[in-house]
């Protein structure tokens, strides 16, 4: 059981070690160093209520024990205006996200009520011309590849680096 916190909670999809290392290296290379205090991540929810940490953790335990690992297709690059991200695809991931949205419907911010567009940001908050150049470079070098979603991770947002609260591995 997790204790309630005043900090908002963030929920991310956990990646297999090889994919995590690959995206961490890209993020280390291209993200502005003064802003790069997080590992690469796939955000599913940006602002869950910390006061509900225990109930959220209980629900995630139930959901993840019956969810198999998710094969992810890394399908291409996304230009973010001031950054670049890799797009991910798995048909089950949006369903899982919708299931969690339904469970937490009264507690979601407008951002977390939106349709999931899974991605991993490797550059952000740079000049648009720099982002466009990186997008073009990475697009030219890109070949689709696979990664695996291995579970979910719940974090507390405390204004800077996130605090990991709990890891929920997928069960099947």
N, C-alpha and C. Protein backbone atom coordinates (compact mmCIF):
# COMPACT_ATOMS: atom_id res chain seq x y z
N UNK A 1 0.84 -1.18 0.00
CA UNK A 1 0.00 0.00 0.00
C UNK A 1 0.89 1.25 0.00
N UNK A 2 0.56 2.19 -0.87
CA UNK A 2 1.30 3.44 -0.93
C UNK A 2 0.61 4.50 -0.09
N UNK A 3 1.39 5.30 0.58
CA UNK A 3 0.84 6.39 1.39
C UNK A 3 0.40 7.53 0.48
N UNK A 4 -0.66 8.23 0.87
CA UNK A 4 -1.08 9.41 0.10
C UNK A 4 0.05 10.44 0.06
N UNK A 5 0.09 11.21 -1.00
CA UNK A 5 1.09 12.25 -1.15
C UNK A 5 0.43 13.49 -1.75
N UNK A 6 0.99 14.64 -1.48
CA UNK A 6 0.46 15.86 -2.08
C UNK A 6 0.98 16.03 -3.50
N UNK A 7 1.99 15.26 -3.88
CA UNK A 7 2.57 15.35 -5.22
C UNK A 7 1.67 14.66 -6.23
N UNK A 8 1.52 15.23 -7.43
CA UNK A 8 0.80 14.52 -8.47
C UNK A 8 1.57 13.28 -8.89
N UNK A 9 0.85 12.30 -9.40
CA UNK A 9 1.44 11.03 -9.82
C UNK A 9 1.51 10.97 -11.34
N UNK A 10 2.55 10.32 -11.82
CA UNK A 10 2.76 10.10 -13.25
C UNK A 10 2.83 8.59 -13.45
N UNK A 11 2.17 8.09 -14.49
CA UNK A 11 2.21 6.67 -14.81
C UNK A 11 2.87 6.49 -16.16
N UNK A 12 3.90 5.65 -16.19
CA UNK A 12 4.62 5.38 -17.44
C UNK A 12 4.60 3.89 -17.76
N UNK A 13 4.82 3.59 -19.04
CA UNK A 13 5.01 2.23 -19.49
C UNK A 13 6.49 1.90 -19.34
N UNK A 14 6.80 0.79 -18.69
CA UNK A 14 8.18 0.34 -18.53
C UNK A 14 8.62 -0.38 -19.80
N UNK A 15 9.89 -0.22 -20.16
CA UNK A 15 10.44 -0.84 -21.37
C UNK A 15 11.45 -1.91 -21.02
N UNK A 16 11.67 -2.83 -21.97
CA UNK A 16 12.72 -3.83 -21.79
C UNK A 16 14.07 -3.11 -21.70
N UNK A 17 15.05 -3.78 -21.10
CA UNK A 17 16.34 -3.14 -20.81
C UNK A 17 17.04 -2.62 -22.06
N UNK A 18 17.02 -3.39 -23.15
CA UNK A 18 17.72 -2.96 -24.37
C UNK A 18 17.08 -1.70 -24.95
N UNK A 19 15.77 -1.67 -25.01
CA UNK A 19 15.07 -0.48 -25.53
C UNK A 19 15.30 0.71 -24.61
N UNK A 20 15.24 0.48 -23.31
CA UNK A 20 15.45 1.58 -22.36
C UNK A 20 16.85 2.17 -22.55
N UNK A 21 17.85 1.32 -22.68
CA UNK A 21 19.23 1.80 -22.88
C UNK A 21 19.36 2.56 -24.19
N UNK A 22 18.72 2.06 -25.25
CA UNK A 22 18.78 2.71 -26.56
C UNK A 22 18.19 4.12 -26.49
N UNK A 23 16.99 4.23 -25.92
CA UNK A 23 16.33 5.54 -25.87
C UNK A 23 16.99 6.47 -24.85
N UNK A 24 17.53 5.92 -23.77
CA UNK A 24 18.29 6.75 -22.83
C UNK A 24 19.51 7.37 -23.52
N UNK A 25 20.20 6.58 -24.34
CA UNK A 25 21.38 7.09 -25.05
C UNK A 25 21.00 8.21 -26.02
N UNK A 26 19.89 8.04 -26.73
CA UNK A 26 19.42 9.09 -27.63
C UNK A 26 19.05 10.35 -26.86
N UNK A 27 18.36 10.16 -25.77
CA UNK A 27 17.96 11.30 -24.95
C UNK A 27 19.19 12.01 -24.38
N UNK A 28 20.16 11.25 -23.94
CA UNK A 28 21.40 11.84 -23.41
C UNK A 28 22.12 12.65 -24.49
N UNK A 29 22.07 12.16 -25.71
CA UNK A 29 22.77 12.82 -26.81
C UNK A 29 22.06 14.09 -27.29
N UNK A 30 20.71 14.07 -27.32
CA UNK A 30 19.98 15.14 -28.00
C UNK A 30 19.17 16.06 -27.09
N UNK A 31 18.92 15.68 -25.88
CA UNK A 31 18.11 16.51 -24.98
C UNK A 31 19.00 17.60 -24.38
N UNK A 32 18.51 18.82 -24.23
CA UNK A 32 19.34 19.86 -23.59
C UNK A 32 19.80 19.40 -22.21
N UNK A 33 21.11 19.40 -21.95
CA UNK A 33 21.64 18.83 -20.70
C UNK A 33 21.03 19.45 -19.44
N UNK A 34 20.76 20.74 -19.47
CA UNK A 34 20.22 21.40 -18.28
C UNK A 34 18.78 20.98 -17.98
N UNK A 35 18.13 20.33 -18.94
CA UNK A 35 16.74 19.89 -18.75
C UNK A 35 16.62 18.36 -18.70
N UNK A 36 17.73 17.68 -18.86
CA UNK A 36 17.69 16.22 -18.99
C UNK A 36 17.99 15.55 -17.66
N UNK A 37 16.98 15.48 -16.81
CA UNK A 37 17.15 14.82 -15.51
C UNK A 37 16.24 13.61 -15.36
N UNK A 38 15.66 13.16 -16.48
CA UNK A 38 14.81 11.96 -16.48
C UNK A 38 15.34 10.97 -17.50
N UNK A 39 15.08 9.70 -17.24
CA UNK A 39 15.36 8.68 -18.25
C UNK A 39 14.27 8.76 -19.33
N UNK A 40 14.53 8.17 -20.47
CA UNK A 40 13.52 8.09 -21.52
C UNK A 40 12.29 7.37 -20.96
N UNK A 41 11.11 7.80 -21.39
CA UNK A 41 9.89 7.24 -20.80
C UNK A 41 8.72 7.37 -21.77
N UNK A 42 7.71 6.54 -21.54
CA UNK A 42 6.45 6.57 -22.28
C UNK A 42 5.38 6.95 -21.26
N UNK A 43 4.95 8.20 -21.28
CA UNK A 43 3.97 8.67 -20.31
C UNK A 43 2.57 8.24 -20.72
N UNK A 44 1.87 7.58 -19.80
CA UNK A 44 0.48 7.20 -20.02
C UNK A 44 -0.47 8.18 -19.35
N UNK A 45 -0.11 8.63 -18.15
CA UNK A 45 -0.90 9.63 -17.41
C UNK A 45 0.07 10.64 -16.81
N UNK A 46 -0.27 11.91 -16.94
CA UNK A 46 0.61 13.00 -16.53
C UNK A 46 0.34 13.55 -15.14
N UNK A 47 -0.89 13.35 -14.62
CA UNK A 47 -1.24 14.05 -13.37
C UNK A 47 -2.38 13.32 -12.66
N UNK A 48 -2.06 12.19 -12.05
CA UNK A 48 -3.04 11.48 -11.23
C UNK A 48 -2.96 12.02 -9.81
N UNK A 49 -4.06 11.97 -9.06
CA UNK A 49 -4.05 12.56 -7.71
C UNK A 49 -3.22 11.74 -6.72
N UNK A 50 -2.23 12.40 -6.13
CA UNK A 50 -1.39 11.74 -5.13
C UNK A 50 -2.17 11.30 -3.91
N UNK A 51 -3.26 11.99 -3.63
CA UNK A 51 -4.09 11.61 -2.47
C UNK A 51 -4.72 10.24 -2.66
N UNK A 52 -4.77 9.77 -3.91
CA UNK A 52 -5.36 8.46 -4.23
C UNK A 52 -4.29 7.41 -4.51
N UNK A 53 -3.07 7.63 -4.07
CA UNK A 53 -1.95 6.74 -4.41
C UNK A 53 -2.23 5.28 -4.06
N UNK A 54 -2.80 5.02 -2.90
CA UNK A 54 -3.04 3.64 -2.48
C UNK A 54 -4.06 2.95 -3.39
N UNK A 55 -5.17 3.62 -3.67
CA UNK A 55 -6.20 3.04 -4.53
C UNK A 55 -5.68 2.85 -5.96
N UNK A 56 -4.91 3.81 -6.44
CA UNK A 56 -4.32 3.70 -7.78
C UNK A 56 -3.37 2.50 -7.83
N UNK A 57 -2.53 2.36 -6.82
CA UNK A 57 -1.59 1.23 -6.77
C UNK A 57 -2.32 -0.10 -6.70
N UNK A 58 -3.37 -0.18 -5.90
CA UNK A 58 -4.15 -1.42 -5.82
C UNK A 58 -4.74 -1.78 -7.18
N UNK A 59 -5.28 -0.78 -7.86
CA UNK A 59 -5.88 -1.03 -9.18
C UNK A 59 -4.81 -1.47 -10.18
N UNK A 60 -3.66 -0.82 -10.15
CA UNK A 60 -2.58 -1.18 -11.07
C UNK A 60 -2.06 -2.59 -10.81
N UNK A 61 -1.99 -2.99 -9.55
CA UNK A 61 -1.58 -4.35 -9.22
C UNK A 61 -2.54 -5.35 -9.85
N UNK A 62 -3.82 -5.10 -9.72
CA UNK A 62 -4.83 -6.00 -10.29
C UNK A 62 -4.72 -6.05 -11.82
N UNK A 63 -4.60 -4.90 -12.45
CA UNK A 63 -4.57 -4.83 -13.91
C UNK A 63 -3.30 -5.47 -14.47
N UNK A 64 -2.16 -5.17 -13.89
CA UNK A 64 -0.91 -5.65 -14.48
C UNK A 64 -0.69 -7.15 -14.30
N UNK A 65 -1.23 -7.74 -13.25
CA UNK A 65 -1.03 -9.18 -13.06
C UNK A 65 -1.74 -9.99 -14.14
N UNK A 66 -2.74 -9.41 -14.77
CA UNK A 66 -3.48 -10.13 -15.82
C UNK A 66 -3.15 -9.60 -17.22
N UNK A 67 -2.16 -8.74 -17.32
CA UNK A 67 -1.78 -8.16 -18.62
C UNK A 67 -0.45 -8.76 -19.06
N UNK A 68 -0.38 -9.31 -20.27
CA UNK A 68 0.90 -9.83 -20.76
C UNK A 68 1.81 -8.68 -21.19
N UNK A 69 3.11 -9.00 -21.30
CA UNK A 69 4.02 -8.00 -21.85
C UNK A 69 3.53 -7.59 -23.23
N UNK A 70 3.82 -6.34 -23.60
CA UNK A 70 3.29 -5.77 -24.84
C UNK A 70 4.41 -5.59 -25.87
N UNK A 71 4.35 -6.32 -26.99
CA UNK A 71 5.32 -6.06 -28.05
C UNK A 71 5.00 -4.70 -28.69
N UNK A 72 6.00 -3.86 -28.77
CA UNK A 72 5.83 -2.51 -29.30
C UNK A 72 6.57 -2.38 -30.62
N UNK A 73 5.92 -1.82 -31.60
CA UNK A 73 6.58 -1.46 -32.85
C UNK A 73 7.01 0.00 -32.75
N UNK A 74 8.28 0.26 -32.96
CA UNK A 74 8.75 1.64 -33.07
C UNK A 74 8.61 1.97 -34.55
N UNK A 75 7.64 2.85 -34.86
CA UNK A 75 7.17 3.00 -36.24
C UNK A 75 7.73 4.21 -36.98
N UNK A 76 8.31 5.16 -36.28
CA UNK A 76 8.83 6.34 -36.97
C UNK A 76 9.09 7.46 -36.01
N UNK A 77 9.35 8.63 -36.57
CA UNK A 77 9.68 9.82 -35.80
C UNK A 77 8.52 10.80 -35.84
N UNK A 78 8.40 11.59 -34.79
CA UNK A 78 7.38 12.63 -34.70
C UNK A 78 8.08 13.96 -34.42
N UNK A 79 7.76 14.96 -35.24
CA UNK A 79 8.26 16.31 -35.01
C UNK A 79 7.34 16.99 -34.02
N UNK A 80 7.90 17.51 -32.94
CA UNK A 80 7.10 18.10 -31.86
C UNK A 80 7.11 19.63 -31.88
N UNK A 81 7.69 20.23 -32.90
CA UNK A 81 7.79 21.68 -32.95
C UNK A 81 9.09 22.17 -32.34
N UNK A 82 9.33 21.78 -31.09
CA UNK A 82 10.57 22.15 -30.41
C UNK A 82 11.31 20.89 -29.92
N UNK A 83 11.01 19.75 -30.56
CA UNK A 83 11.65 18.51 -30.17
C UNK A 83 11.28 17.38 -31.12
N UNK A 84 11.75 16.18 -30.76
CA UNK A 84 11.56 14.99 -31.59
C UNK A 84 11.24 13.80 -30.70
N UNK A 85 10.33 12.95 -31.18
CA UNK A 85 9.96 11.75 -30.45
C UNK A 85 9.85 10.57 -31.40
N UNK A 86 9.98 9.38 -30.84
CA UNK A 86 9.75 8.14 -31.57
C UNK A 86 8.33 7.67 -31.29
N UNK A 87 7.59 7.34 -32.35
CA UNK A 87 6.23 6.83 -32.21
C UNK A 87 6.24 5.33 -31.93
N UNK A 88 5.32 4.90 -31.08
CA UNK A 88 5.18 3.49 -30.71
C UNK A 88 3.79 3.01 -31.09
N UNK A 89 3.71 1.72 -31.45
CA UNK A 89 2.40 1.15 -31.77
C UNK A 89 2.27 -0.24 -31.15
N UNK A 90 1.14 -0.46 -30.53
CA UNK A 90 0.69 -1.77 -30.07
C UNK A 90 -0.82 -1.64 -29.91
N UNK A 91 -1.61 -2.53 -30.52
CA UNK A 91 -3.06 -2.38 -30.45
C UNK A 91 -3.64 -2.54 -29.05
N UNK A 92 -2.95 -3.23 -28.16
CA UNK A 92 -3.47 -3.43 -26.81
C UNK A 92 -3.21 -2.24 -25.89
N UNK A 93 -2.17 -1.48 -26.17
CA UNK A 93 -1.82 -0.37 -25.29
C UNK A 93 -2.93 0.69 -25.21
N UNK A 94 -3.53 1.12 -26.32
CA UNK A 94 -4.65 2.07 -26.20
C UNK A 94 -5.83 1.48 -25.43
N UNK A 95 -6.07 0.19 -25.56
CA UNK A 95 -7.17 -0.43 -24.81
C UNK A 95 -6.87 -0.41 -23.31
N UNK A 96 -5.63 -0.72 -22.95
CA UNK A 96 -5.24 -0.65 -21.54
C UNK A 96 -5.40 0.78 -21.02
N UNK A 97 -4.96 1.74 -21.80
CA UNK A 97 -5.08 3.15 -21.42
C UNK A 97 -6.55 3.53 -21.23
N UNK A 98 -7.41 3.11 -22.14
CA UNK A 98 -8.85 3.41 -22.02
C UNK A 98 -9.45 2.75 -20.79
N UNK A 99 -9.02 1.54 -20.49
CA UNK A 99 -9.50 0.85 -19.29
C UNK A 99 -9.12 1.63 -18.03
N UNK A 100 -7.89 2.12 -17.99
CA UNK A 100 -7.46 2.92 -16.84
C UNK A 100 -8.18 4.27 -16.80
N UNK A 101 -8.38 4.88 -17.95
CA UNK A 101 -9.15 6.13 -17.99
C UNK A 101 -10.55 5.92 -17.42
N UNK A 102 -11.19 4.83 -17.78
CA UNK A 102 -12.54 4.56 -17.29
C UNK A 102 -12.55 4.38 -15.77
N UNK A 103 -11.52 3.74 -15.24
CA UNK A 103 -11.45 3.51 -13.80
C UNK A 103 -11.23 4.80 -13.02
N UNK A 104 -10.53 5.75 -13.64
CA UNK A 104 -10.16 6.99 -12.94
C UNK A 104 -10.86 8.21 -13.51
N UNK A 105 -11.96 8.02 -14.19
CA UNK A 105 -12.60 9.10 -14.95
C UNK A 105 -12.84 10.38 -14.15
N UNK A 106 -13.21 10.29 -12.90
CA UNK A 106 -13.47 11.48 -12.11
C UNK A 106 -12.23 12.20 -11.63
N UNK A 107 -11.07 11.60 -11.81
CA UNK A 107 -9.83 12.17 -11.28
C UNK A 107 -8.87 12.66 -12.36
N UNK A 108 -9.28 12.60 -13.62
CA UNK A 108 -8.35 12.90 -14.71
C UNK A 108 -8.36 14.36 -15.11
N UNK A 109 -7.19 14.88 -15.42
CA UNK A 109 -7.06 16.21 -15.99
C UNK A 109 -7.49 16.13 -17.46
N UNK A 110 -7.79 17.27 -18.09
CA UNK A 110 -8.12 17.23 -19.52
C UNK A 110 -7.04 16.55 -20.37
N UNK A 111 -5.77 16.78 -20.05
CA UNK A 111 -4.70 16.13 -20.80
C UNK A 111 -4.78 14.62 -20.69
N UNK A 112 -5.08 14.11 -19.51
CA UNK A 112 -5.14 12.66 -19.30
C UNK A 112 -6.44 12.04 -19.81
N UNK A 113 -7.40 12.85 -20.20
CA UNK A 113 -8.64 12.34 -20.79
C UNK A 113 -8.49 12.13 -22.29
N UNK A 114 -7.40 12.60 -22.87
CA UNK A 114 -7.20 12.51 -24.31
C UNK A 114 -6.82 11.10 -24.74
N UNK A 115 -7.01 10.85 -26.03
CA UNK A 115 -6.60 9.59 -26.64
C UNK A 115 -5.07 9.47 -26.54
N UNK A 116 -4.61 8.27 -26.22
CA UNK A 116 -3.18 8.02 -26.07
C UNK A 116 -2.50 8.01 -27.44
N UNK A 117 -1.38 8.72 -27.53
CA UNK A 117 -0.52 8.71 -28.71
C UNK A 117 0.89 8.36 -28.21
N UNK A 118 1.16 7.07 -27.99
CA UNK A 118 2.40 6.68 -27.31
C UNK A 118 3.65 7.08 -28.09
N UNK A 119 4.60 7.64 -27.36
CA UNK A 119 5.85 8.08 -27.95
C UNK A 119 6.91 8.21 -26.86
N UNK A 120 8.15 8.30 -27.32
CA UNK A 120 9.29 8.54 -26.43
C UNK A 120 10.01 9.78 -26.94
N UNK A 121 10.03 10.82 -26.15
CA UNK A 121 10.68 12.07 -26.53
C UNK A 121 12.18 11.96 -26.27
N UNK A 122 12.97 12.24 -27.32
CA UNK A 122 14.43 12.21 -27.18
C UNK A 122 15.04 13.61 -27.27
N UNK A 123 14.21 14.59 -27.65
CA UNK A 123 14.66 15.98 -27.67
C UNK A 123 13.44 16.85 -27.43
N UNK A 124 13.60 17.91 -26.62
CA UNK A 124 12.49 18.82 -26.36
C UNK A 124 13.06 20.16 -25.90
N UNK A 125 12.23 21.19 -26.08
CA UNK A 125 12.56 22.54 -25.60
C UNK A 125 13.84 23.09 -26.24
N UNK A 126 13.99 22.85 -27.55
CA UNK A 126 15.09 23.43 -28.31
C UNK A 126 14.50 24.36 -29.38
N UNK A 127 15.36 25.09 -30.05
CA UNK A 127 14.93 25.95 -31.15
C UNK A 127 14.26 25.08 -32.23
N UNK A 128 13.15 25.55 -32.81
CA UNK A 128 12.46 24.74 -33.83
C UNK A 128 13.35 24.31 -34.99
N UNK A 129 14.28 25.15 -35.41
CA UNK A 129 15.17 24.76 -36.51
C UNK A 129 16.07 23.60 -36.11
N UNK A 130 16.55 23.60 -34.88
CA UNK A 130 17.38 22.50 -34.37
C UNK A 130 16.56 21.21 -34.32
N UNK A 131 15.32 21.32 -33.85
CA UNK A 131 14.44 20.15 -33.78
C UNK A 131 14.13 19.62 -35.18
N UNK A 132 13.86 20.51 -36.11
CA UNK A 132 13.55 20.08 -37.49
C UNK A 132 14.75 19.36 -38.11
N UNK A 133 15.95 19.88 -37.87
CA UNK A 133 17.16 19.25 -38.41
C UNK A 133 17.36 17.85 -37.81
N UNK A 134 17.15 17.70 -36.50
CA UNK A 134 17.29 16.38 -35.89
C UNK A 134 16.21 15.44 -36.41
N UNK A 135 14.99 15.93 -36.54
CA UNK A 135 13.91 15.09 -37.06
C UNK A 135 14.28 14.56 -38.45
N UNK A 136 14.79 15.43 -39.30
CA UNK A 136 15.17 15.00 -40.64
C UNK A 136 16.30 13.97 -40.58
N UNK A 137 17.31 14.22 -39.76
CA UNK A 137 18.44 13.30 -39.63
C UNK A 137 17.99 11.93 -39.14
N UNK A 138 17.21 11.91 -38.05
CA UNK A 138 16.78 10.62 -37.49
C UNK A 138 15.81 9.90 -38.42
N UNK A 139 14.98 10.65 -39.15
CA UNK A 139 14.06 10.04 -40.11
C UNK A 139 14.83 9.36 -41.23
N UNK A 140 15.87 10.02 -41.72
CA UNK A 140 16.68 9.44 -42.80
C UNK A 140 17.39 8.16 -42.35
N UNK A 141 17.76 8.09 -41.08
CA UNK A 141 18.48 6.93 -40.54
C UNK A 141 17.55 5.84 -40.03
N UNK A 142 16.25 6.12 -39.95
CA UNK A 142 15.33 5.25 -39.23
C UNK A 142 15.00 3.96 -39.98
N UNK A 143 14.97 2.87 -39.23
CA UNK A 143 14.40 1.60 -39.67
C UNK A 143 13.52 1.11 -38.52
N UNK A 144 12.30 0.67 -38.81
CA UNK A 144 11.41 0.21 -37.73
C UNK A 144 12.08 -0.89 -36.91
N UNK A 145 11.77 -0.92 -35.64
CA UNK A 145 12.29 -1.97 -34.76
C UNK A 145 11.29 -2.23 -33.65
N UNK A 146 11.57 -3.26 -32.86
CA UNK A 146 10.66 -3.67 -31.79
C UNK A 146 11.26 -3.38 -30.42
N UNK A 147 10.35 -3.15 -29.50
CA UNK A 147 10.68 -3.04 -28.08
C UNK A 147 9.58 -3.80 -27.36
N UNK A 148 9.68 -3.88 -26.04
CA UNK A 148 8.67 -4.57 -25.25
C UNK A 148 8.27 -3.72 -24.06
N UNK A 149 6.96 -3.57 -23.88
CA UNK A 149 6.44 -2.95 -22.66
C UNK A 149 6.38 -4.03 -21.60
N UNK A 150 7.11 -3.84 -20.50
CA UNK A 150 7.25 -4.89 -19.49
C UNK A 150 6.41 -4.67 -18.24
N UNK A 151 5.77 -3.51 -18.15
CA UNK A 151 4.96 -3.21 -16.98
C UNK A 151 4.65 -1.73 -16.91
N UNK A 152 4.22 -1.29 -15.76
CA UNK A 152 3.90 0.11 -15.52
C UNK A 152 4.70 0.60 -14.32
N UNK A 153 5.04 1.88 -14.33
CA UNK A 153 5.77 2.48 -13.21
C UNK A 153 5.02 3.72 -12.76
N UNK A 154 4.83 3.83 -11.46
CA UNK A 154 4.15 4.98 -10.85
C UNK A 154 5.21 5.87 -10.20
N UNK A 155 5.13 7.16 -10.52
CA UNK A 155 6.09 8.15 -10.06
C UNK A 155 5.37 9.27 -9.33
N UNK A 156 6.09 9.94 -8.44
CA UNK A 156 5.61 11.19 -7.83
C UNK A 156 6.38 12.33 -8.47
N UNK A 157 5.64 13.35 -8.90
CA UNK A 157 6.26 14.54 -9.50
C UNK A 157 6.46 15.58 -8.41
N UNK A 158 7.73 15.90 -8.18
CA UNK A 158 8.04 16.86 -7.11
C UNK A 158 8.81 18.06 -7.64
N UNK A 159 8.53 18.43 -8.89
CA UNK A 159 9.10 19.63 -9.45
C UNK A 159 10.39 19.48 -10.22
N UNK A 160 11.04 18.36 -10.14
CA UNK A 160 12.29 18.12 -10.86
C UNK A 160 12.33 16.66 -11.24
N UNK A 161 13.42 15.97 -10.88
CA UNK A 161 13.44 14.52 -11.12
C UNK A 161 12.25 13.85 -10.43
N UNK A 162 11.73 12.85 -11.09
CA UNK A 162 10.58 12.13 -10.54
C UNK A 162 11.06 11.14 -9.49
N UNK A 163 10.20 10.87 -8.51
CA UNK A 163 10.49 9.86 -7.49
C UNK A 163 9.72 8.59 -7.82
N UNK A 164 10.46 7.49 -8.04
CA UNK A 164 9.79 6.23 -8.35
C UNK A 164 9.10 5.72 -7.09
N UNK A 165 7.79 5.46 -7.20
CA UNK A 165 7.03 4.95 -6.07
C UNK A 165 6.87 3.44 -6.13
N UNK A 166 6.57 2.92 -7.33
CA UNK A 166 6.34 1.48 -7.42
C UNK A 166 6.40 1.03 -8.87
N UNK A 167 6.93 -0.17 -9.06
CA UNK A 167 6.98 -0.84 -10.36
C UNK A 167 5.92 -1.93 -10.37
N UNK A 168 5.13 -2.00 -11.44
CA UNK A 168 4.08 -3.00 -11.58
C UNK A 168 4.38 -3.83 -12.84
N UNK A 169 5.09 -4.96 -12.69
CA UNK A 169 5.41 -5.77 -13.88
C UNK A 169 4.16 -6.44 -14.44
N UNK A 170 4.14 -6.56 -15.76
CA UNK A 170 3.06 -7.32 -16.39
C UNK A 170 3.23 -8.79 -16.01
N UNK A 171 2.10 -9.47 -15.82
CA UNK A 171 2.14 -10.80 -15.23
C UNK A 171 2.22 -11.97 -16.16
N UNK A 172 1.63 -11.89 -17.33
CA UNK A 172 1.57 -13.09 -18.17
C UNK A 172 2.55 -13.01 -19.31
